[in-house]
Amino acid sequence: MLENNLSQLEQLVGALLQENKTLQGSNATLTKELQTLKEENETLQLAALEQEELHGATAARIQALVELARAGQSAEAAPNQ
């Protein structure tokens, strides 16, 4: 009986060691993927900030052109009055 219990215990320990090895491999893979995704996220955030700056500059230029066009229309309308 004791021999049987020891044999079962050895099998369980072996299975646990194998499962641990598998989980460590999965953990290493997930850690690498996480790092890659963090770097990609940082890159995307920087790109988003750059786009936001460009959109702000474009909006400011469009607003200046609209104001210039309004001023031009006002100047053209003034002599006719």
PDB file of N, CA and C in Angstrom:
ATOM      1  N   MET A   1       0.825  -1.190   0.000  1.00  0.00           N
ATOM      2  CA  MET A   1       0.000   0.000   0.000  1.00  0.00           C
ATOM      3  C   MET A   1       0.872   1.258   0.000  1.00  0.00           C
ATOM      4  N   LEU A   2       1.864   1.293   0.855  1.00  0.00           N
ATOM      5  CA  LEU A   2       2.765   2.445   0.921  1.00  0.00           C
ATOM      6  C   LEU A   2       3.492   2.628  -0.410  1.00  0.00           C
ATOM      7  N   GLU A   3       3.921   1.506  -1.006  1.00  0.00           N
ATOM      8  CA  GLU A   3       4.601   1.564  -2.301  1.00  0.00           C
ATOM      9  C   GLU A   3       3.678   2.143  -3.368  1.00  0.00           C
ATOM     10  N   ASN A   4       2.424   1.760  -3.334  1.00  0.00           N
ATOM     11  CA  ASN A   4       1.424   2.250  -4.283  1.00  0.00           C
ATOM     12  C   ASN A   4       1.210   3.754  -4.095  1.00  0.00           C
ATOM     13  N   ASN A   5       1.116   4.192  -2.845  1.00  0.00           N
ATOM     14  CA  ASN A   5       0.939   5.618  -2.548  1.00  0.00           C
ATOM     15  C   ASN A   5       2.144   6.434  -3.016  1.00  0.00           C
ATOM     16  N   LEU A   6       3.333   5.905  -2.816  1.00  0.00           N
ATOM     17  CA  LEU A   6       4.547   6.596  -3.257  1.00  0.00           C
ATOM     18  C   LEU A   6       4.589   6.708  -4.777  1.00  0.00           C
ATOM     19  N   SER A   7       4.170   5.655  -5.425  1.00  0.00           N
ATOM     20  CA  SER A   7       4.146   5.665  -6.884  1.00  0.00           C
ATOM     21  C   SER A   7       3.155   6.714  -7.398  1.00  0.00           C
ATOM     22  N   GLN A   8       1.981   6.766  -6.783  1.00  0.00           N
ATOM     23  CA  GLN A   8       0.983   7.765  -7.172  1.00  0.00           C
ATOM     24  C   GLN A   8       1.503   9.178  -6.903  1.00  0.00           C
ATOM     25  N   LEU A   9       2.165   9.340  -5.775  1.00  0.00           N
ATOM     26  CA  LEU A   9       2.727  10.649  -5.424  1.00  0.00           C
ATOM     27  C   LEU A   9       3.785  11.073  -6.431  1.00  0.00           C
ATOM     28  N   GLU A  10       4.632  10.134  -6.848  1.00  0.00           N
ATOM     29  CA  GLU A  10       5.651  10.443  -7.856  1.00  0.00           C
ATOM     30  C   GLU A  10       5.004  10.863  -9.169  1.00  0.00           C
ATOM     31  N   GLN A  11       3.947  10.180  -9.549  1.00  0.00           N
ATOM     32  CA  GLN A  11       3.244  10.534 -10.792  1.00  0.00           C
ATOM     33  C   GLN A  11       2.627  11.921 -10.689  1.00  0.00           C
ATOM     34  N   LEU A  12       2.010  12.206  -9.536  1.00  0.00           N
ATOM     35  CA  LEU A  12       1.392  13.529  -9.336  1.00  0.00           C
ATOM     36  C   LEU A  12       2.444  14.632  -9.356  1.00  0.00           C
ATOM     37  N   VAL A  13       3.555  14.405  -8.695  1.00  0.00           N
ATOM     38  CA  VAL A  13       4.635  15.401  -8.679  1.00  0.00           C
ATOM     39  C   VAL A  13       5.171  15.604 -10.089  1.00  0.00           C
ATOM     40  N   GLY A  14       5.357  14.521 -10.825  1.00  0.00           N
ATOM     41  CA  GLY A  14       5.814  14.640 -12.212  1.00  0.00           C
ATOM     42  C   GLY A  14       4.842  15.423 -13.068  1.00  0.00           C
ATOM     43  N   ALA A  15       3.550  15.148 -12.900  1.00  0.00           N
ATOM     44  CA  ALA A  15       2.522  15.874 -13.659  1.00  0.00           C
ATOM     45  C   ALA A  15       2.523  17.351 -13.278  1.00  0.00           C
ATOM     46  N   LEU A  16       2.667  17.640 -11.990  1.00  0.00           N
ATOM     47  CA  LEU A  16       2.700  19.035 -11.539  1.00  0.00           C
ATOM     48  C   LEU A  16       3.930  19.768 -12.070  1.00  0.00           C
ATOM     49  N   LEU A  17       5.064  19.078 -12.082  1.00  0.00           N
ATOM     50  CA  LEU A  17       6.275  19.697 -12.618  1.00  0.00           C
ATOM     51  C   LEU A  17       6.118  20.002 -14.109  1.00  0.00           C
ATOM     52  N   GLN A  18       5.515  19.072 -14.842  1.00  0.00           N
ATOM     53  CA  GLN A  18       5.290  19.297 -16.271  1.00  0.00           C
ATOM     54  C   GLN A  18       4.318  20.460 -16.488  1.00  0.00           C
ATOM     55  N   GLU A  19       3.244  20.495 -15.695  1.00  0.00           N
ATOM     56  CA  GLU A  19       2.270  21.589 -15.795  1.00  0.00           C
ATOM     57  C   GLU A  19       2.927  22.921 -15.451  1.00  0.00           C
ATOM     58  N   ASN A  20       3.779  22.921 -14.441  1.00  0.00           N
ATOM     59  CA  ASN A  20       4.494  24.140 -14.064  1.00  0.00           C
ATOM     60  C   ASN A  20       5.380  24.620 -15.205  1.00  0.00           C
ATOM     61  N   LYS A  21       6.079  23.689 -15.849  1.00  0.00           N
ATOM     62  CA  LYS A  21       6.950  24.037 -16.975  1.00  0.00           C
ATOM     63  C   LYS A  21       6.126  24.635 -18.115  1.00  0.00           C
ATOM     64  N   THR A  22       4.976  24.032 -18.396  1.00  0.00           N
ATOM     65  CA  THR A  22       4.090  24.538 -19.450  1.00  0.00           C
ATOM     66  C   THR A  22       3.595  25.944 -19.113  1.00  0.00           C
ATOM     67  N   LEU A  23       3.184  26.131 -17.864  1.00  0.00           N
ATOM     68  CA  LEU A  23       2.690  27.442 -17.437  1.00  0.00           C
ATOM     69  C   LEU A  23       3.783  28.503 -17.466  1.00  0.00           C
ATOM     70  N   GLN A  24       5.006  28.126 -17.120  1.00  0.00           N
ATOM     71  CA  GLN A  24       6.106  29.086 -17.187  1.00  0.00           C
ATOM     72  C   GLN A  24       6.365  29.509 -18.628  1.00  0.00           C
ATOM     73  N   GLY A  25       6.269  28.551 -19.555  1.00  0.00           N
ATOM     74  CA  GLY A  25       6.430  28.895 -20.963  1.00  0.00           C
ATOM     75  C   GLY A  25       5.335  29.831 -21.439  1.00  0.00           C
ATOM     76  N   SER A  26       4.096  29.540 -21.032  1.00  0.00           N
ATOM     77  CA  SER A  26       2.967  30.408 -21.394  1.00  0.00           C
ATOM     78  C   SER A  26       3.144  31.795 -20.798  1.00  0.00           C
ATOM     79  N   ASN A  27       3.603  31.844 -19.564  1.00  0.00           N
ATOM     80  CA  ASN A  27       3.826  33.122 -18.892  1.00  0.00           C
ATOM     81  C   ASN A  27       4.894  33.936 -19.611  1.00  0.00           C
ATOM     82  N   ALA A  28       5.958  33.291 -20.029  1.00  0.00           N
ATOM     83  CA  ALA A  28       7.027  33.995 -20.747  1.00  0.00           C
ATOM     84  C   ALA A  28       6.497  34.550 -22.068  1.00  0.00           C
ATOM     85  N   THR A  29       5.706  33.745 -22.764  1.00  0.00           N
ATOM     86  CA  THR A  29       5.128  34.199 -24.034  1.00  0.00           C
ATOM     87  C   THR A  29       4.205  35.387 -23.813  1.00  0.00           C
ATOM     88  N   LEU A  30       3.344  35.282 -22.808  1.00  0.00           N
ATOM     89  CA  LEU A  30       2.414  36.382 -22.513  1.00  0.00           C
ATOM     90  C   LEU A  30       3.150  37.643 -22.073  1.00  0.00           C
ATOM     91  N   THR A  31       4.236  37.474 -21.340  1.00  0.00           N
ATOM     92  CA  THR A  31       5.029  38.631 -20.910  1.00  0.00           C
ATOM     93  C   THR A  31       5.625  39.353 -22.122  1.00  0.00           C
ATOM     94  N   LYS A  32       6.131  38.594 -23.092  1.00  0.00           N
ATOM     95  CA  LYS A  32       6.675  39.192 -24.311  1.00  0.00           C
ATOM     96  C   LYS A  32       5.575  39.893 -25.108  1.00  0.00           C
ATOM     97  N   GLU A  33       4.418  39.252 -25.218  1.00  0.00           N
ATOM     98  CA  GLU A  33       3.298  39.847 -25.948  1.00  0.00           C
ATOM     99  C   GLU A  33       2.837  41.128 -25.266  1.00  0.00           C
ATOM    100  N   LEU A  34       2.786  41.104 -23.935  1.00  0.00           N
ATOM    101  CA  LEU A  34       2.387  42.292 -23.187  1.00  0.00           C
ATOM    102  C   LEU A  34       3.346  43.444 -23.450  1.00  0.00           C
ATOM    103  N   GLN A  35       4.638  43.174 -23.429  1.00  0.00           N
ATOM    104  CA  GLN A  35       5.627  44.212 -23.691  1.00  0.00           C
ATOM    105  C   GLN A  35       5.463  44.778 -25.093  1.00  0.00           C
ATOM    106  N   THR A  36       5.245  43.897 -26.066  1.00  0.00           N
ATOM    107  CA  THR A  36       5.034  44.331 -27.445  1.00  0.00           C
ATOM    108  C   THR A  36       3.796  45.220 -27.543  1.00  0.00           C
ATOM    109  N   LEU A  37       2.717  44.812 -26.884  1.00  0.00           N
ATOM    110  CA  LEU A  37       1.483  45.588 -26.924  1.00  0.00           C
ATOM    111  C   LEU A  37       1.634  46.929 -26.206  1.00  0.00           C
ATOM    112  N   LYS A  38       2.396  46.953 -25.113  1.00  0.00           N
ATOM    113  CA  LYS A  38       2.646  48.221 -24.424  1.00  0.00           C
ATOM    114  C   LYS A  38       3.400  49.183 -25.340  1.00  0.00           C
ATOM    115  N   GLU A  39       4.404  48.671 -26.040  1.00  0.00           N
ATOM    116  CA  GLU A  39       5.173  49.513 -26.957  1.00  0.00           C
ATOM    117  C   GLU A  39       4.294  49.999 -28.104  1.00  0.00           C
ATOM    118  N   GLU A  40       3.455  49.118 -28.625  1.00  0.00           N
ATOM    119  CA  GLU A  40       2.547  49.504 -29.710  1.00  0.00           C
ATOM    120  C   GLU A  40       1.554  50.557 -29.219  1.00  0.00           C
ATOM    121  N   ASN A  41       1.059  50.386 -28.009  1.00  0.00           N
ATOM    122  CA  ASN A  41       0.128  51.351 -27.429  1.00  0.00           C
ATOM    123  C   ASN A  41       0.794  52.718 -27.286  1.00  0.00           C
ATOM    124  N   GLU A  42       2.016  52.732 -26.816  1.00  0.00           N
ATOM    125  CA  GLU A  42       2.745  53.996 -26.663  1.00  0.00           C
ATOM    126  C   GLU A  42       2.937  54.677 -28.016  1.00  0.00           C
ATOM    127  N   THR A  43       3.280  53.885 -29.025  1.00  0.00           N
ATOM    128  CA  THR A  43       3.453  54.426 -30.369  1.00  0.00           C
ATOM    129  C   THR A  43       2.148  55.019 -30.891  1.00  0.00           C
ATOM    130  N   LEU A  44       1.041  54.292 -30.666  1.00  0.00           N
ATOM    131  CA  LEU A  44      -0.260  54.779 -31.115  1.00  0.00           C
ATOM    132  C   LEU A  44      -0.675  56.048 -30.374  1.00  0.00           C
ATOM    133  N   GLN A  45      -0.365  56.123 -29.086  1.00  0.00           N
ATOM    134  CA  GLN A  45      -0.692  57.330 -28.326  1.00  0.00           C
ATOM    135  C   GLN A  45       0.091  58.528 -28.844  1.00  0.00           C
ATOM    136  N   LEU A  46       1.366  58.318 -29.140  1.00  0.00           N
ATOM    137  CA  LEU A  46       2.179  59.412 -29.690  1.00  0.00           C
ATOM    138  C   LEU A  46       1.646  59.842 -31.055  1.00  0.00           C
ATOM    139  N   ALA A  47       1.268  58.869 -31.883  1.00  0.00           N
ATOM    140  CA  ALA A  47       0.715  59.188 -33.194  1.00  0.00           C
ATOM    141  C   ALA A  47      -0.593  59.958 -33.044  1.00  0.00           C
ATOM    142  N   ALA A  48      -1.410  59.569 -32.072  1.00  0.00           N
ATOM    143  CA  ALA A  48      -2.679  60.267 -31.837  1.00  0.00           C
ATOM    144  C   ALA A  48      -2.429  61.708 -31.401  1.00  0.00           C
ATOM    145  N   LEU A  49      -1.427  61.911 -30.549  1.00  0.00           N
ATOM    146  CA  LEU A  49      -1.099  63.271 -30.124  1.00  0.00           C
ATOM    147  C   LEU A  49      -0.616  64.120 -31.300  1.00  0.00           C
ATOM    148  N   GLU A  50       0.194  63.514 -32.153  1.00  0.00           N
ATOM    149  CA  GLU A  50       0.668  64.243 -33.334  1.00  0.00           C
ATOM    150  C   GLU A  50      -0.496  64.601 -34.246  1.00  0.00           C
ATOM    151  N   GLN A  51      -1.417  63.666 -34.442  1.00  0.00           N
ATOM    152  CA  GLN A  51      -2.590  63.937 -35.273  1.00  0.00           C
ATOM    153  C   GLN A  51      -3.454  65.040 -34.662  1.00  0.00           C
ATOM    154  N   GLU A  52      -3.586  65.006 -33.340  1.00  0.00           N
ATOM    155  CA  GLU A  52      -4.370  66.032 -32.652  1.00  0.00           C
ATOM    156  C   GLU A  52      -3.745  67.409 -32.867  1.00  0.00           C
ATOM    157  N   GLU A  53      -2.429  67.480 -32.795  1.00  0.00           N
ATOM    158  CA  GLU A  53      -1.741  68.749 -33.035  1.00  0.00           C
ATOM    159  C   GLU A  53      -1.948  69.222 -34.473  1.00  0.00           C
ATOM    160  N   LEU A  54      -1.836  68.283 -35.412  1.00  0.00           N
ATOM    161  CA  LEU A  54      -2.052  68.639 -36.818  1.00  0.00           C
ATOM    162  C   LEU A  54      -3.475  69.105 -37.061  1.00  0.00           C
ATOM    163  N   HIS A  55      -4.445  68.418 -36.461  1.00  0.00           N
ATOM    164  CA  HIS A  55      -5.844  68.824 -36.636  1.00  0.00           C
ATOM    165  C   HIS A  55      -6.082  70.199 -36.034  1.00  0.00           C
ATOM    166  N   GLY A  56      -5.461  70.465 -34.889  1.00  0.00           N
ATOM    167  CA  GLY A  56      -5.595  71.782 -34.269  1.00  0.00           C
ATOM    168  C   GLY A  56      -5.012  72.871 -35.152  1.00  0.00           C
ATOM    169  N   ALA A  57      -3.846  72.604 -35.722  1.00  0.00           N
ATOM    170  CA  ALA A  57      -3.222  73.591 -36.608  1.00  0.00           C
ATOM    171  C   ALA A  57      -4.061  73.796 -37.869  1.00  0.00           C
ATOM    172  N   THR A  58      -4.602  72.716 -38.398  1.00  0.00           N
ATOM    173  CA  THR A  58      -5.448  72.821 -39.592  1.00  0.00           C
ATOM    174  C   THR A  58      -6.715  73.601 -39.281  1.00  0.00           C
ATOM    175  N   ALA A  59      -7.326  73.335 -38.150  1.00  0.00           N
ATOM    176  CA  ALA A  59      -8.538  74.051 -37.749  1.00  0.00           C
ATOM    177  C   ALA A  59      -8.254  75.543 -37.601  1.00  0.00           C
ATOM    178  N   ALA A  60      -7.107  75.866 -37.028  1.00  0.00           N
ATOM    179  CA  ALA A  60      -6.740  77.271 -36.852  1.00  0.00           C
ATOM    180  C   ALA A  60      -6.549  77.947 -38.216  1.00  0.00           C
ATOM    181  N   ARG A  61      -5.920  77.250 -39.150  1.00  0.00           N
ATOM    182  CA  ARG A  61      -5.725  77.814 -40.493  1.00  0.00           C
ATOM    183  C   ARG A  61      -7.055  78.009 -41.206  1.00  0.00           C
ATOM    184  N   ILE A  62      -7.951  77.033 -41.074  1.00  0.00           N
ATOM    185  CA  ILE A  62      -9.271  77.149 -41.706  1.00  0.00           C
ATOM    186  C   ILE A  62     -10.029  78.315 -41.099  1.00  0.00           C
ATOM    187  N   GLN A  63      -9.981  78.451 -39.783  1.00  0.00           N
ATOM    188  CA  GLN A  63     -10.666  79.557 -39.118  1.00  0.00           C
ATOM    189  C   GLN A  63     -10.105  80.898 -39.596  1.00  0.00           C
ATOM    190  N   ALA A  64      -8.796  80.984 -39.757  1.00  0.00           N
ATOM    191  CA  ALA A  64      -8.186  82.229 -40.246  1.00  0.00           C
ATOM    192  C   ALA A  64      -8.637  82.521 -41.669  1.00  0.00           C
ATOM    193  N   LEU A  65      -8.737  81.494 -42.509  1.00  0.00           N
ATOM    194  CA  LEU A  65      -9.206  81.697 -43.885  1.00  0.00           C
ATOM    195  C   LEU A  65     -10.665  82.137 -43.923  1.00  0.00           C
ATOM    196  N   VAL A  66     -11.491  81.552 -43.052  1.00  0.00           N
ATOM    197  CA  VAL A  66     -12.903  81.951 -42.983  1.00  0.00           C
ATOM    198  C   VAL A  66     -13.007  83.412 -42.570  1.00  0.00           C
ATOM    199  N   GLU A  67     -12.233  83.795 -41.565  1.00  0.00           N
ATOM    200  CA  GLU A  67     -12.253  85.190 -41.117  1.00  0.00           C
ATOM    201  C   GLU A  67     -11.759  86.131 -42.214  1.00  0.00           C
ATOM    202  N   LEU A  68     -10.745  85.708 -42.945  1.00  0.00           N
ATOM    203  CA  LEU A  68     -10.229  86.510 -44.045  1.00  0.00           C
ATOM    204  C   LEU A  68     -11.291  86.661 -45.140  1.00  0.00           C
ATOM    205  N   ALA A  69     -11.984  85.572 -45.439  1.00  0.00           N
ATOM    206  CA  ALA A  69     -13.043  85.629 -46.453  1.00  0.00           C
ATOM    207  C   ALA A  69     -14.175  86.536 -46.001  1.00  0.00           C
ATOM    208  N   ARG A  70     -14.544  86.484 -44.741  1.00  0.00           N
ATOM    209  CA  ARG A  70     -15.598  87.369 -44.215  1.00  0.00           C
ATOM    210  C   ARG A  70     -15.177  88.829 -44.302  1.00  0.00           C
ATOM    211  N   ALA A  71     -13.908  89.071 -43.955  1.00  0.00           N
ATOM    212  CA  ALA A  71     -13.403  90.446 -44.025  1.00  0.00           C
ATOM    213  C   ALA A  71     -13.411  90.934 -45.467  1.00  0.00           C
ATOM    214  N   GLY A  72     -13.084  90.044 -46.388  1.00  0.00           N
ATOM    215  CA  GLY A  72     -13.111  90.412 -47.806  1.00  0.00           C
ATOM    216  C   GLY A  72     -14.521  90.708 -48.294  1.00  0.00           C
ATOM    217  N   GLN A  73     -15.479  89.924 -47.843  1.00  0.00           N
ATOM    218  CA  GLN A  73     -16.864  90.150 -48.221  1.00  0.00           C
ATOM    219  C   GLN A  73     -17.372  91.465 -47.630  1.00  0.00           C
ATOM    220  N   SER A  74     -16.976  91.759 -46.414  1.00  0.00           N
ATOM    221  CA  SER A  74     -17.378  93.009 -45.769  1.00  0.00           C
ATOM    222  C   SER A  74     -16.788  94.195 -46.509  1.00  0.00           C
ATOM    223  N   ALA A  75     -15.549  94.068 -46.949  1.00  0.00           N
ATOM    224  CA  ALA A  75     -14.895  95.159 -47.671  1.00  0.00           C
ATOM    225  C   ALA A  75     -15.558  95.373 -49.019  1.00  0.00           C
ATOM    226  N   GLU A  76     -15.975  94.320 -49.683  1.00  0.00           N
ATOM    227  CA  GLU A  76     -16.648  94.444 -50.984  1.00  0.00           C
ATOM    228  C   GLU A  76     -18.046  95.034 -50.815  1.00  0.00           C
ATOM    229  N   ALA A  77     -18.716  94.704 -49.736  1.00  0.00           N
ATOM    230  CA  ALA A  77     -20.083  95.168 -49.511  1.00  0.00           C
ATOM    231  C   ALA A  77     -20.095  96.636 -49.079  1.00  0.00           C
ATOM    232  N   ALA A  78     -19.058  97.103 -48.437  1.00  0.00           N
ATOM    233  CA  ALA A  78     -19.031  98.477 -47.926  1.00  0.00           C
ATOM    234  C   ALA A  78     -19.135  99.536 -49.024  1.00  0.00           C
ATOM    235  N   PRO A  79     -18.429  99.469 -50.142  1.00  0.00           N
ATOM    236  CA  PRO A  79     -18.532 100.525 -51.163  1.00  0.00           C
ATOM    237  C   PRO A  79     -19.895 100.569 -51.830  1.00  0.00           C
ATOM    238  N   ASN A  80     -20.604  99.487 -51.866  1.00  0.00           N
ATOM    239  CA  ASN A  80     -21.919  99.460 -52.507  1.00  0.00           C
ATOM    240  C   ASN A  80     -22.985 100.125 -51.673  1.00  0.00           C
ATOM    241  N   GLN A  81     -22.722 100.376 -50.432  1.00  0.00           N
ATOM    242  CA  GLN A  81     -23.764 100.955 -49.563  1.00  0.00           C
ATOM    243  C   GLN A  81     -23.843 102.420 -49.678  1.00  0.00           C
TER     244      GLN A  81
END
